[in-house]
């Protein structure tokens, strides 16, 4: 799994890392039970603080995308790809709405927004 951190981005480093791991799970690049590098090793590879990696791992663990096993490290959660609960659907809807509203203010059409959601370039 290739991870790239943009230190100039407004997105916090831990969230950039977490988002890229989620993308790897979503695309099938990272599979259930697949081990992740230790926090120390990943921090060294990316040139970031180990606490930043730990924060990303805790964020992903809270969302059940990874599982941290004591003395064994982190793995992709066996149920990382699962049917969303109603609460998860509402959370995603609440996080998407401001982005959709901004897109509409910038006069993107519903079709253009849908293309973006599908991951297509517009």
Protein backbone atom coordinates (compact mmCIF):
# COMPACT_ATOMS: atom_id res chain seq x y z
CA UNK A 1 0.00 0.00 0.00
CA UNK A 2 1.46 3.32 -1.08
CA UNK A 3 0.91 6.25 1.27
CA UNK A 4 1.82 9.83 0.46
CA UNK A 5 1.65 12.67 2.98
CA UNK A 6 1.32 16.30 1.87
CA UNK A 7 2.69 18.48 4.63
CA UNK A 8 1.38 21.59 2.83
CA UNK A 9 -2.22 20.36 2.91
CA UNK A 10 -4.81 21.86 5.22
CA UNK A 11 -5.90 18.31 6.09
CA UNK A 12 -4.21 17.13 9.31
CA UNK A 13 -1.48 14.52 8.75
CA UNK A 14 -3.21 11.85 10.83
CA UNK A 15 -6.37 12.26 8.75
CA UNK A 16 -4.44 12.11 5.47
CA UNK A 17 -2.93 8.82 6.64
CA UNK A 18 -6.27 7.45 7.85
CA UNK A 19 -8.05 8.47 4.63
CA UNK A 20 -5.45 6.70 2.49
CA UNK A 21 -5.78 3.50 4.51
CA UNK A 22 -9.58 3.70 4.18
CA UNK A 23 -9.17 4.17 0.41
CA UNK A 24 -6.91 1.10 0.25
CA UNK A 25 -9.60 -0.91 2.05
CA UNK A 26 -12.35 0.47 -0.20
CA UNK A 27 -10.45 -0.39 -3.39
CA UNK A 28 -9.39 -3.84 -2.20
CA UNK A 29 -5.72 -2.91 -2.09
CA UNK A 30 -5.75 -3.69 1.66
CA UNK A 31 -7.57 -6.86 2.66
CA UNK A 32 -9.00 -8.10 5.98
CA UNK A 33 -6.37 -9.47 8.38
CA UNK A 34 -3.56 -7.82 6.39
CA UNK A 35 -0.95 -6.48 8.82
CA UNK A 36 -0.11 -2.78 8.92
CA UNK A 37 3.36 -1.47 9.69
CA UNK A 38 4.12 -0.62 13.29
CA UNK A 39 3.54 3.00 14.22
CA UNK A 40 7.26 3.54 14.63
CA UNK A 41 8.13 1.95 11.26
CA UNK A 42 5.43 3.83 9.35
CA UNK A 43 6.37 7.12 10.99
CA UNK A 44 9.99 6.56 9.98
CA UNK A 45 9.04 5.70 6.39
CA UNK A 46 6.80 8.76 6.06
CA UNK A 47 9.05 11.13 8.00
CA UNK A 48 6.33 12.03 10.50
CA UNK A 49 5.93 11.76 14.25
CA UNK A 50 5.02 8.35 15.67
CA UNK A 51 2.21 9.96 17.70
CA UNK A 52 0.64 11.12 14.42
CA UNK A 53 0.56 7.53 13.17
CA UNK A 54 -0.83 6.35 16.51
CA UNK A 55 -3.57 9.00 16.28
CA UNK A 56 -4.48 7.77 12.79
CA UNK A 57 -4.52 4.16 13.98
CA UNK A 58 -6.76 5.03 16.93
CA UNK A 59 -9.12 6.93 14.62
CA UNK A 60 -9.29 3.93 12.29
CA UNK A 61 -9.76 1.55 15.19
CA UNK A 62 -12.67 3.64 16.54
CA UNK A 63 -14.31 3.38 13.11
CA UNK A 64 -13.60 -0.39 12.98
CA UNK A 65 -11.41 -0.21 9.88
CA UNK A 66 -8.40 -1.65 11.67
CA UNK A 67 -7.89 -3.76 14.73
CA UNK A 68 -4.97 -3.19 17.08
CA UNK A 69 -3.83 -6.45 18.62
CA UNK A 70 -1.77 -6.14 21.82
CA UNK A 71 1.88 -7.11 21.21
CA UNK A 72 1.05 -8.12 17.63
CA UNK A 73 0.40 -4.79 15.92
CA UNK A 74 -2.41 -3.54 13.74
CA UNK A 75 -4.30 -5.41 11.05
CA UNK A 76 -7.08 -4.53 8.65
CA UNK A 77 -10.26 -5.31 10.60
CA UNK A 78 -11.96 -8.53 9.45
CA UNK A 79 -15.19 -6.54 9.00
CA UNK A 80 -13.62 -3.40 7.53
CA UNK A 81 -15.86 -3.79 4.47
CA UNK A 82 -19.34 -4.26 5.87
CA UNK A 83 -22.92 -3.13 5.59
CA UNK A 84 -23.24 0.34 7.16
CA UNK A 85 -25.40 0.76 10.22
CA UNK A 86 -28.09 3.44 10.24
CA UNK A 87 -25.90 5.50 12.57
CA UNK A 88 -22.95 5.24 10.15
CA UNK A 89 -25.18 6.28 7.23
CA UNK A 90 -26.38 9.34 9.16
CA UNK A 91 -22.80 10.25 10.09
CA UNK A 92 -21.70 10.08 6.46
CA UNK A 93 -24.73 12.10 5.37
CA UNK A 94 -23.96 14.79 7.97
CA UNK A 95 -20.33 15.01 6.83
CA UNK A 96 -21.24 15.10 3.13
CA UNK A 97 -23.96 17.74 3.31
CA UNK A 98 -21.66 20.76 3.76
CA UNK A 99 -19.55 19.59 0.81
CA UNK A 100 -22.63 19.12 -1.37
CA UNK A 101 -23.91 22.56 -0.32
CA UNK A 102 -20.56 24.13 -1.22
CA UNK A 103 -20.60 22.36 -4.60
CA UNK A 104 -24.08 23.74 -5.30
CA UNK A 105 -22.95 27.25 -4.33
CA UNK A 106 -20.19 26.81 -6.92
CA UNK A 107 -22.93 25.87 -9.41
CA UNK A 108 -21.93 22.25 -9.92
CA UNK A 109 -24.86 20.34 -11.35
CA UNK A 110 -26.33 17.28 -9.66
CA UNK A 111 -24.75 15.19 -12.44
CA UNK A 112 -21.31 16.70 -11.77
CA UNK A 113 -21.67 16.06 -8.04
CA UNK A 114 -22.72 12.48 -8.76
CA UNK A 115 -19.67 12.03 -11.03
CA UNK A 116 -17.45 13.22 -8.18
CA UNK A 117 -19.11 10.80 -5.77
CA UNK A 118 -18.44 7.97 -8.23
CA UNK A 119 -14.78 9.03 -8.33
CA UNK A 120 -14.89 10.34 -11.88
CA UNK A 121 -13.19 13.48 -13.09
CA UNK A 122 -15.44 16.32 -14.23
